[in-house]
Amino acid sequence: MAKDFMSGIRKTTSQLPFSPFSEVERIKKQITILEELRQFITPLTNEEYSVLESNILNQGCKDPLTVWETTRKTVFPDDTEERAYVLIDGHNRYTICQKYDLDFKIVLLSFKDIEEVKDYMIDFQLGRRNLNPEQMSFFRGLRYNREKVGKGKYDREEGGMDISKHLAEEYKVSQRTIKNDGNFAKGIAKFIPRLQQEVLSGTTALSRTHIQELGKRDDIAQGTLTTLERIEPAESSVVPTVDELSIRKKEIARLAVNLSSKTDYSLLLEKVKELKNFI
């Protein structure tokens, strides 16, 4: 009888309908983090991370993590068509939940390739309200550099439009600022990932102008700088023209007239420091 009973249990279990809950739990155990996408995540200061950790421990992880559902072959060349789940938003929350074995929710999104994912992540970060001046400049620069070379338009067609002019109008800054942002993003890419995050946290002594100059240099490869000490300019560094100085002065005057937030004030101070380096 015991044998018949167990046989009946197995038969009944095999006929149970598919459980979405079980599928979600399986996916959460297979989440992958790509180093290639880390630069598109806004870094937190130690204080901000501590506050987030405390909130999650006290209230749970309320906001779902965003996951790209794709195949391993799409993410890792020469791999299989097996499903892959790549984390694209919620890295800090995921780390905290893993550390304390806490549950979390997920949202699955589909993209045709990793370039489209990067564009999505840049747009998502630019839509945040709490970006510091360095982060805002960096993500604007990333978008400018990517659109300038025609990569991953993320459903945007520029139709021959001047990208810097288009973005300047969208973000209400000058075209010069957008182009400087592009060099700033290139400059940050020269550092190793850990130092990139430090620069974006806004706690380093390096000026934005210096990082922009690093972005213009071809003698420094991406991801090779292991120190945040000032790098002496190359012999061929270009000296700003009178016209460029005039543009910088006008931009400072515009910022001073339109001050409306702490972020505007921080940006104004940064622009004044940059101008002093050129005089």
C-alpha atoms as a PDB file:
ATOM      1  CA  MET A   1       0.000   0.000   0.000  1.00  0.00           C
ATOM      2  CA  ALA A   2       2.868   2.347   0.822  1.00  0.00           C
ATOM      3  CA  LYS A   3       4.214   1.806  -2.676  1.00  0.00           C
ATOM      4  CA  ASP A   4       0.822   2.613  -4.227  1.00  0.00           C
ATOM      5  CA  PHE A   5       0.529   5.720  -2.049  1.00  0.00           C
ATOM      6  CA  MET A   6       3.949   7.103  -3.132  1.00  0.00           C
ATOM      7  CA  SER A   7       3.180   6.280  -6.763  1.00  0.00           C
ATOM      8  CA  GLY A   8      -0.031   8.244  -6.493  1.00  0.00           C
ATOM      9  CA  ILE A   9       1.787  11.213  -4.949  1.00  0.00           C
ATOM     10  CA  ARG A  10       4.348  11.269  -7.771  1.00  0.00           C
ATOM     11  CA  LYS A  11       1.596  11.071 -10.394  1.00  0.00           C
ATOM     12  CA  THR A  12      -0.379  13.904  -8.803  1.00  0.00           C
ATOM     13  CA  THR A  13       2.722  16.066  -8.433  1.00  0.00           C
ATOM     14  CA  SER A  14       3.666  15.574 -12.081  1.00  0.00           C
ATOM     15  CA  GLN A  15       0.231  16.886 -13.064  1.00  0.00           C
ATOM     16  CA  LEU A  16       0.490  20.109 -11.049  1.00  0.00           C
ATOM     17  CA  PRO A  17       0.338  23.257 -13.201  1.00  0.00           C
ATOM     18  CA  PHE A  18       3.492  25.327 -13.817  1.00  0.00           C
ATOM     19  CA  SER A  19       4.218  27.742 -10.970  1.00  0.00           C
ATOM     20  CA  PRO A  20       5.297  31.282 -11.956  1.00  0.00           C
ATOM     21  CA  PHE A  21       6.631  31.682  -8.433  1.00  0.00           C
ATOM     22  CA  SER A  22       9.035  28.773  -8.909  1.00  0.00           C
ATOM     23  CA  GLU A  23      10.230  30.218 -12.224  1.00  0.00           C
ATOM     24  CA  VAL A  24      10.938  33.626 -10.654  1.00  0.00           C
ATOM     25  CA  GLU A  25      12.916  32.012  -7.844  1.00  0.00           C
ATOM     26  CA  ARG A  26      14.944  30.061 -10.397  1.00  0.00           C
ATOM     27  CA  ILE A  27      15.740  33.236 -12.336  1.00  0.00           C
ATOM     28  CA  LYS A  28      16.822  35.094  -9.189  1.00  0.00           C
ATOM     29  CA  LYS A  29      19.377  32.375  -8.499  1.00  0.00           C
ATOM     30  CA  GLN A  30      20.845  32.764 -12.008  1.00  0.00           C
ATOM     31  CA  ILE A  31      21.354  36.551 -12.054  1.00  0.00           C
ATOM     32  CA  THR A  32      24.651  37.553 -13.673  1.00  0.00           C
ATOM     33  CA  ILE A  33      26.598  40.793 -13.145  1.00  0.00           C
ATOM     34  CA  LEU A  34      28.690  42.068 -16.070  1.00  0.00           C
ATOM     35  CA  GLU A  35      31.733  44.219 -15.330  1.00  0.00           C
ATOM     36  CA  GLU A  36      31.230  45.841 -18.729  1.00  0.00           C
ATOM     37  CA  LEU A  37      28.033  47.459 -17.430  1.00  0.00           C
ATOM     38  CA  ARG A  38      29.322  48.693 -14.064  1.00  0.00           C
ATOM     39  CA  GLN A  39      30.290  52.113 -15.443  1.00  0.00           C
ATOM     40  CA  PHE A  40      26.627  52.736 -16.239  1.00  0.00           C
ATOM     41  CA  ILE A  41      25.650  52.408 -12.572  1.00  0.00           C
ATOM     42  CA  THR A  42      25.613  55.493 -10.346  1.00  0.00           C
ATOM     43  CA  PRO A  43      28.066  54.883  -7.468  1.00  0.00           C
ATOM     44  CA  LEU A  44      27.057  55.522  -3.868  1.00  0.00           C
ATOM     45  CA  THR A  45      29.171  57.205  -1.225  1.00  0.00           C
ATOM     46  CA  ASN A  46      29.865  55.172   1.919  1.00  0.00           C
ATOM     47  CA  GLU A  47      27.224  57.174   3.761  1.00  0.00           C
ATOM     48  CA  GLU A  48      24.623  56.647   1.032  1.00  0.00           C
ATOM     49  CA  TYR A  49      25.357  52.915   0.970  1.00  0.00           C
ATOM     50  CA  SER A  50      24.978  52.677   4.765  1.00  0.00           C
ATOM     51  CA  VAL A  51      21.617  54.454   4.618  1.00  0.00           C
ATOM     52  CA  LEU A  52      20.410  52.125   1.846  1.00  0.00           C
ATOM     53  CA  GLU A  53      21.586  49.075   3.781  1.00  0.00           C
ATOM     54  CA  SER A  54      19.801  50.253   6.937  1.00  0.00           C
ATOM     55  CA  ASN A  55      16.561  50.949   5.034  1.00  0.00           C
ATOM     56  CA  ILE A  56      16.559  47.516   3.412  1.00  0.00           C
ATOM     57  CA  LEU A  57      17.260  45.763   6.708  1.00  0.00           C
ATOM     58  CA  ASN A  58      14.408  47.640   8.392  1.00  0.00           C
ATOM     59  CA  GLN A  59      11.849  47.739   5.587  1.00  0.00           C
ATOM     60  CA  GLY A  60      12.920  45.103   3.080  1.00  0.00           C
ATOM     61  CA  CYS A  61      13.894  45.608  -0.552  1.00  0.00           C
ATOM     62  CA  LYS A  62      10.839  47.463  -1.861  1.00  0.00           C
ATOM     63  CA  ASP A  63      12.000  48.429  -5.356  1.00  0.00           C
ATOM     64  CA  PRO A  64      12.384  45.580  -7.856  1.00  0.00           C
ATOM     65  CA  LEU A  65      15.713  44.877  -9.544  1.00  0.00           C
ATOM     66  CA  THR A  66      15.778  45.242 -13.327  1.00  0.00           C
ATOM     67  CA  VAL A  67      17.090  42.210 -15.207  1.00  0.00           C
ATOM     68  CA  TRP A  68      17.881  41.758 -18.901  1.00  0.00           C
ATOM     69  CA  GLU A  69      16.546  38.419 -20.139  1.00  0.00           C
ATOM     70  CA  THR A  70      18.735  37.179 -22.979  1.00  0.00           C
ATOM     71  CA  THR A  71      20.907  34.200 -23.981  1.00  0.00           C
ATOM     72  CA  ARG A  72      24.419  33.324 -22.910  1.00  0.00           C
ATOM     73  CA  LYS A  73      25.500  33.509 -26.553  1.00  0.00           C
ATOM     74  CA  THR A  74      24.409  37.164 -26.711  1.00  0.00           C
ATOM     75  CA  VAL A  75      26.396  38.047 -23.600  1.00  0.00           C
ATOM     76  CA  PHE A  76      29.330  35.669 -23.945  1.00  0.00           C
ATOM     77  CA  PRO A  77      30.414  35.033 -27.573  1.00  0.00           C
ATOM     78  CA  ASP A  78      30.761  31.393 -28.577  1.00  0.00           C
ATOM     79  CA  ASP A  79      28.535  30.289 -25.698  1.00  0.00           C
ATOM     80  CA  THR A  80      25.171  28.486 -25.865  1.00  0.00           C
ATOM     81  CA  GLU A  81      21.567  29.560 -26.454  1.00  0.00           C
ATOM     82  CA  GLU A  82      20.813  28.860 -22.795  1.00  0.00           C
ATOM     83  CA  ARG A  83      18.852  31.648 -21.109  1.00  0.00           C
ATOM     84  CA  ALA A  84      20.850  34.295 -19.235  1.00  0.00           C
ATOM     85  CA  TYR A  85      19.676  36.955 -16.780  1.00  0.00           C
ATOM     86  CA  VAL A  86      21.856  40.065 -16.498  1.00  0.00           C
ATOM     87  CA  LEU A  87      21.385  42.655 -13.773  1.00  0.00           C
ATOM     88  CA  ILE A  88      21.079  46.176 -15.233  1.00  0.00           C
ATOM     89  CA  ASP A  89      19.679  48.146 -12.288  1.00  0.00           C
ATOM     90  CA  GLY A  90      19.786  47.525  -8.544  1.00  0.00           C
ATOM     91  CA  HIS A  91      23.392  46.381  -8.074  1.00  0.00           C
ATOM     92  CA  ASN A  92      23.707  47.832  -4.567  1.00  0.00           C
ATOM     93  CA  ARG A  93      20.350  46.442  -3.478  1.00  0.00           C
ATOM     94  CA  TYR A  94      21.296  43.052  -4.892  1.00  0.00           C
ATOM     95  CA  THR A  95      24.607  43.049  -2.986  1.00  0.00           C
ATOM     96  CA  ILE A  96      22.849  43.895   0.284  1.00  0.00           C
ATOM     97  CA  CYS A  97      20.126  41.280  -0.226  1.00  0.00           C
ATOM     98  CA  GLN A  98      22.741  38.623  -0.992  1.00  0.00           C
ATOM     99  CA  LYS A  99      24.760  39.585   2.071  1.00  0.00           C
ATOM    100  CA  TYR A 100      21.808  39.204   4.454  1.00  0.00           C
ATOM    101  CA  ASP A 101      19.905  36.513   2.514  1.00  0.00           C
ATOM    102  CA  LEU A 102      16.932  38.827   1.932  1.00  0.00           C
ATOM    103  CA  ASP A 103      14.221  38.393  -0.671  1.00  0.00           C
ATOM    104  CA  PHE A 104      13.752  40.835  -3.553  1.00  0.00           C
ATOM    105  CA  LYS A 105      11.531  41.342  -6.587  1.00  0.00           C
ATOM    106  CA  ILE A 106      12.649  41.478 -10.227  1.00  0.00           C
ATOM    107  CA  VAL A 107      11.439  43.007 -13.479  1.00  0.00           C
ATOM    108  CA  LEU A 108      12.480  41.340 -16.743  1.00  0.00           C
ATOM    109  CA  LEU A 109      13.247  43.427 -19.838  1.00  0.00           C
ATOM    110  CA  SER A 110      14.266  42.380 -23.351  1.00  0.00           C
ATOM    111  CA  PHE A 111      16.814  44.090 -25.631  1.00  0.00           C
ATOM    112  CA  LYS A 112      18.263  43.074 -28.975  1.00  0.00           C
ATOM    113  CA  ASP A 113      21.889  43.402 -27.811  1.00  0.00           C
ATOM    114  CA  ILE A 114      24.171  44.832 -25.139  1.00  0.00           C
ATOM    115  CA  GLU A 115      24.519  48.171 -26.958  1.00  0.00           C
ATOM    116  CA  GLU A 116      20.797  48.769 -26.585  1.00  0.00           C
ATOM    117  CA  VAL A 117      21.127  47.851 -22.903  1.00  0.00           C
ATOM    118  CA  LYS A 118      23.846  50.469 -22.455  1.00  0.00           C
ATOM    119  CA  ASP A 119      21.689  53.142 -24.070  1.00  0.00           C
ATOM    120  CA  TYR A 120      18.799  52.205 -21.798  1.00  0.00           C
ATOM    121  CA  MET A 121      21.029  52.390 -18.725  1.00  0.00           C
ATOM    122  CA  ILE A 122      22.419  55.808 -19.725  1.00  0.00           C
ATOM    123  CA  ASP A 123      18.936  57.221 -20.307  1.00  0.00           C
ATOM    124  CA  PHE A 124      17.751  55.735 -17.024  1.00  0.00           C
ATOM    125  CA  GLN A 125      20.599  57.345 -15.079  1.00  0.00           C
ATOM    126  CA  LEU A 126      20.067  60.712 -16.773  1.00  0.00           C
ATOM    127  CA  GLY A 127      16.451  60.574 -15.633  1.00  0.00           C
ATOM    128  CA  ARG A 128      17.457  60.425 -11.971  1.00  0.00           C
ATOM    129  CA  ARG A 129      17.085  63.570  -9.865  1.00  0.00           C
ATOM    130  CA  ASN A 130      19.906  62.968  -7.405  1.00  0.00           C
ATOM    131  CA  LEU A 131      22.924  62.939  -9.749  1.00  0.00           C
ATOM    132  CA  ASN A 132      25.876  65.036  -8.595  1.00  0.00           C
ATOM    133  CA  PRO A 133      27.600  67.330 -11.162  1.00  0.00           C
ATOM    134  CA  GLU A 134      30.274  64.716 -11.975  1.00  0.00           C
ATOM    135  CA  GLN A 135      27.691  62.005 -12.614  1.00  0.00           C
ATOM    136  CA  MET A 136      25.505  64.269 -14.738  1.00  0.00           C
ATOM    137  CA  SER A 137      28.496  65.324 -16.832  1.00  0.00           C
ATOM    138  CA  PHE A 138      29.652  61.714 -17.187  1.00  0.00           C
ATOM    139  CA  PHE A 139      26.337  60.300 -18.375  1.00  0.00           C
ATOM    140  CA  ARG A 140      25.716  63.211 -20.740  1.00  0.00           C
ATOM    141  CA  GLY A 141      29.212  62.589 -22.093  1.00  0.00           C
ATOM    142  CA  LEU A 142      28.571  58.879 -22.537  1.00  0.00           C
ATOM    143  CA  ARG A 143      25.407  59.590 -24.476  1.00  0.00           C
ATOM    144  CA  TYR A 144      27.129  62.223 -26.624  1.00  0.00           C
ATOM    145  CA  ASN A 145      30.086  59.954 -27.435  1.00  0.00           C
ATOM    146  CA  ARG A 146      27.870  57.009 -28.319  1.00  0.00           C
ATOM    147  CA  GLU A 147      25.477  58.992 -30.494  1.00  0.00           C
ATOM    148  CA  LYS A 148      28.323  60.873 -32.153  1.00  0.00           C
ATOM    149  CA  VAL A 149      29.716  57.637 -33.580  1.00  0.00           C
ATOM    150  CA  GLY A 150      26.253  56.363 -34.467  1.00  0.00           C
ATOM    151  CA  LYS A 151      26.092  53.503 -31.956  1.00  0.00           C
ATOM    152  CA  GLY A 152      22.910  52.304 -30.311  1.00  0.00           C
ATOM    153  CA  LYS A 153      20.487  55.128 -30.976  1.00  0.00           C
ATOM    154  CA  TYR A 154      17.938  53.511 -28.604  1.00  0.00           C
ATOM    155  CA  ASP A 155      15.094  54.372 -30.978  1.00  0.00           C
ATOM    156  CA  ARG A 156      16.435  57.900 -31.628  1.00  0.00           C
ATOM    157  CA  GLU A 157      17.049  59.077 -35.169  1.00  0.00           C
ATOM    158  CA  GLU A 158      19.100  62.279 -35.368  1.00  0.00           C
ATOM    159  CA  GLY A 159      18.649  62.735 -39.118  1.00  0.00           C
ATOM    160  CA  GLY A 160      21.977  64.474 -39.599  1.00  0.00           C
ATOM    161  CA  MET A 161      21.398  66.827 -36.651  1.00  0.00           C
ATOM    162  CA  ASP A 162      24.384  68.193 -34.746  1.00  0.00           C
ATOM    163  CA  ILE A 163      24.420  65.864 -31.726  1.00  0.00           C
ATOM    164  CA  SER A 164      26.014  68.416 -29.381  1.00  0.00           C
ATOM    165  CA  LYS A 165      23.389  71.015 -30.302  1.00  0.00           C
ATOM    166  CA  HIS A 166      20.562  68.530 -29.853  1.00  0.00           C
ATOM    167  CA  LEU A 167      21.779  67.416 -26.419  1.00  0.00           C
ATOM    168  CA  ALA A 168      22.571  70.990 -25.352  1.00  0.00           C
ATOM    169  CA  GLU A 169      18.968  71.953 -26.017  1.00  0.00           C
ATOM    170  CA  GLU A 170      17.646  68.850 -24.264  1.00  0.00           C
ATOM    171  CA  TYR A 171      19.697  69.352 -21.093  1.00  0.00           C
ATOM    172  CA  LYS A 172      19.663  73.171 -21.200  1.00  0.00           C
ATOM    173  CA  VAL A 173      23.441  73.629 -21.306  1.00  0.00           C
ATOM    174  CA  SER A 174      25.844  74.944 -23.943  1.00  0.00           C
ATOM    175  CA  GLN A 175      27.229  72.894 -26.820  1.00  0.00           C
ATOM    176  CA  ARG A 176      30.695  73.449 -25.344  1.00  0.00           C
ATOM    177  CA  THR A 177      29.514  71.826 -22.107  1.00  0.00           C
ATOM    178  CA  ILE A 178      28.270  68.765 -23.997  1.00  0.00           C
ATOM    179  CA  LYS A 179      31.587  68.417 -25.820  1.00  0.00           C
ATOM    180  CA  ASN A 180      33.477  68.828 -22.527  1.00  0.00           C
ATOM    181  CA  ASP A 181      31.209  66.145 -21.070  1.00  0.00           C
ATOM    182  CA  GLY A 182      32.319  63.839 -23.880  1.00  0.00           C
ATOM    183  CA  ASN A 183      35.975  64.351 -22.981  1.00  0.00           C
ATOM    184  CA  PHE A 184      35.145  63.957 -19.288  1.00  0.00           C
ATOM    185  CA  ALA A 185      33.557  60.557 -19.967  1.00  0.00           C
ATOM    186  CA  LYS A 186      36.594  59.511 -22.029  1.00  0.00           C
ATOM    187  CA  GLY A 187      38.900  60.708 -19.244  1.00  0.00           C
ATOM    188  CA  ILE A 188      37.104  58.681 -16.589  1.00  0.00           C
ATOM    189  CA  ALA A 189      37.402  55.619 -18.830  1.00  0.00           C
ATOM    190  CA  LYS A 190      41.191  55.901 -18.514  1.00  0.00           C
ATOM    191  CA  PHE A 191      41.013  54.833 -14.839  1.00  0.00           C
ATOM    192  CA  ILE A 192      40.532  51.346 -13.471  1.00  0.00           C
ATOM    193  CA  PRO A 193      36.875  50.617 -12.477  1.00  0.00           C
ATOM    194  CA  ARG A 194      37.377  51.222  -8.735  1.00  0.00           C
ATOM    195  CA  LEU A 195      38.847  54.676  -9.347  1.00  0.00           C
ATOM    196  CA  GLN A 196      36.140  55.488 -11.893  1.00  0.00           C
ATOM    197  CA  GLN A 197      33.593  55.010  -9.131  1.00  0.00           C
ATOM    198  CA  GLU A 198      35.592  57.237  -6.776  1.00  0.00           C
ATOM    199  CA  VAL A 199      35.718  60.037  -9.333  1.00  0.00           C
ATOM    200  CA  LEU A 200      31.984  59.780  -9.962  1.00  0.00           C
ATOM    201  CA  SER A 201      31.249  59.931  -6.240  1.00  0.00           C
ATOM    202  CA  GLY A 202      32.568  63.519  -6.338  1.00  0.00           C
ATOM    203  CA  THR A 203      34.979  63.014  -3.445  1.00  0.00           C
ATOM    204  CA  THR A 204      38.314  63.238  -5.263  1.00  0.00           C
ATOM    205  CA  ALA A 205      40.629  66.238  -5.577  1.00  0.00           C
ATOM    206  CA  LEU A 206      41.039  65.901  -9.345  1.00  0.00           C
ATOM    207  CA  SER A 207      39.379  68.738 -11.249  1.00  0.00           C
ATOM    208  CA  ARG A 208      36.928  68.038 -14.027  1.00  0.00           C
ATOM    209  CA  THR A 209      39.151  70.032 -16.373  1.00  0.00           C
ATOM    210  CA  HIS A 210      42.097  67.714 -15.742  1.00  0.00           C
ATOM    211  CA  ILE A 211      39.981  64.633 -16.403  1.00  0.00           C
ATOM    212  CA  GLN A 212      38.722  66.234 -19.633  1.00  0.00           C
ATOM    213  CA  GLU A 213      42.334  66.705 -20.716  1.00  0.00           C
ATOM    214  CA  LEU A 214      43.008  63.022 -19.996  1.00  0.00           C
ATOM    215  CA  GLY A 215      40.103  62.189 -22.281  1.00  0.00           C
ATOM    216  CA  LYS A 216      41.827  63.968 -25.186  1.00  0.00           C
ATOM    217  CA  ARG A 217      45.052  62.002 -24.832  1.00  0.00           C
ATOM    218  CA  ASP A 218      45.779  59.032 -27.075  1.00  0.00           C
ATOM    219  CA  ASP A 219      48.881  57.980 -25.125  1.00  0.00           C
ATOM    220  CA  ILE A 220      46.830  56.652 -22.190  1.00  0.00           C
ATOM    221  CA  ALA A 221      44.780  53.498 -22.784  1.00  0.00           C
ATOM    222  CA  GLN A 222      41.374  52.886 -21.243  1.00  0.00           C
ATOM    223  CA  GLY A 223      41.335  51.259 -17.824  1.00  0.00           C
ATOM    224  CA  THR A 224      45.070  51.651 -17.186  1.00  0.00           C
ATOM    225  CA  LEU A 225      45.410  54.503 -14.670  1.00  0.00           C
ATOM    226  CA  THR A 226      45.739  53.116 -11.140  1.00  0.00           C
ATOM    227  CA  THR A 227      46.134  56.398  -9.266  1.00  0.00           C
ATOM    228  CA  LEU A 228      44.094  59.555  -8.837  1.00  0.00           C
ATOM    229  CA  GLU A 229      47.212  61.711  -8.736  1.00  0.00           C
ATOM    230  CA  ARG A 230      47.395  64.467 -11.314  1.00  0.00           C
ATOM    231  CA  ILE A 231      48.942  63.322 -14.593  1.00  0.00           C
ATOM    232  CA  GLU A 232      51.182  65.905 -16.220  1.00  0.00           C
ATOM    233  CA  PRO A 233      49.892  67.025 -19.636  1.00  0.00           C
ATOM    234  CA  ALA A 234      51.544  65.773 -22.779  1.00  0.00           C
ATOM    235  CA  GLU A 235      53.907  68.098 -24.623  1.00  0.00           C
ATOM    236  CA  SER A 236      51.383  68.519 -27.403  1.00  0.00           C
ATOM    237  CA  SER A 237      48.537  69.671 -25.144  1.00  0.00           C
ATOM    238  CA  VAL A 238      46.482  72.339 -26.882  1.00  0.00           C
ATOM    239  CA  VAL A 239      46.288  75.761 -25.225  1.00  0.00           C
ATOM    240  CA  PRO A 240      42.743  77.180 -25.160  1.00  0.00           C
ATOM    241  CA  THR A 241      42.092  79.990 -27.621  1.00  0.00           C
ATOM    242  CA  VAL A 242      40.741  83.432 -26.760  1.00  0.00           C
ATOM    243  CA  ASP A 243      37.392  82.364 -28.206  1.00  0.00           C
ATOM    244  CA  GLU A 244      37.257  79.340 -25.893  1.00  0.00           C
ATOM    245  CA  LEU A 245      38.006  81.501 -22.863  1.00  0.00           C
ATOM    246  CA  SER A 246      35.252  83.858 -23.925  1.00  0.00           C
ATOM    247  CA  ILE A 247      32.800  80.953 -24.218  1.00  0.00           C
ATOM    248  CA  ARG A 248      33.736  79.726 -20.728  1.00  0.00           C
ATOM    249  CA  LYS A 249      33.214  83.200 -19.242  1.00  0.00           C
ATOM    250  CA  LYS A 250      29.803  83.520 -20.877  1.00  0.00           C
ATOM    251  CA  GLU A 251      28.788  80.099 -19.560  1.00  0.00           C
ATOM    252  CA  ILE A 252      29.775  81.102 -16.023  1.00  0.00           C
ATOM    253  CA  ALA A 253      27.763  84.305 -16.344  1.00  0.00           C
ATOM    254  CA  ARG A 254      24.736  82.326 -17.543  1.00  0.00           C
ATOM    255  CA  LEU A 255      25.004  79.883 -14.649  1.00  0.00           C
ATOM    256  CA  ALA A 256      25.317  82.719 -12.127  1.00  0.00           C
ATOM    257  CA  VAL A 257      22.152  84.393 -13.411  1.00  0.00           C
ATOM    258  CA  ASN A 258      20.118  81.171 -13.403  1.00  0.00           C
ATOM    259  CA  LEU A 259      21.143  79.683 -10.029  1.00  0.00           C
ATOM    260  CA  SER A 260      18.218  77.697  -8.620  1.00  0.00           C
ATOM    261  CA  SER A 261      19.639  74.710  -6.718  1.00  0.00           C
ATOM    262  CA  LYS A 262      22.670  73.347  -4.867  1.00  0.00           C
ATOM    263  CA  THR A 263      23.564  71.381  -7.992  1.00  0.00           C
ATOM    264  CA  ASP A 264      23.649  74.612 -10.028  1.00  0.00           C
ATOM    265  CA  TYR A 265      25.860  76.209  -7.371  1.00  0.00           C
ATOM    266  CA  SER A 266      28.271  73.252  -7.367  1.00  0.00           C
ATOM    267  CA  LEU A 267      28.471  73.360 -11.153  1.00  0.00           C
ATOM    268  CA  LEU A 268      29.161  77.115 -11.061  1.00  0.00           C
ATOM    269  CA  LEU A 269      32.050  76.622  -8.620  1.00  0.00           C
ATOM    270  CA  GLU A 270      33.475  73.875 -10.815  1.00  0.00           C
ATOM    271  CA  LYS A 271      33.316  76.094 -13.904  1.00  0.00           C
ATOM    272  CA  VAL A 272      35.086  78.925 -12.057  1.00  0.00           C
ATOM    273  CA  LYS A 273      37.861  76.510 -11.010  1.00  0.00           C
ATOM    274  CA  GLU A 274      38.189  75.326 -14.610  1.00  0.00           C
ATOM    275  CA  LEU A 275      38.479  78.911 -15.864  1.00  0.00           C
ATOM    276  CA  LYS A 276      41.226  79.689 -13.321  1.00  0.00           C
ATOM    277  CA  ASN A 277      43.280  76.797 -14.684  1.00  0.00           C
ATOM    278  CA  PHE A 278      43.242  78.386 -18.138  1.00  0.00           C
ATOM    279  CA  ILE A 279      44.138  81.948 -17.097  1.00  0.00           C
END
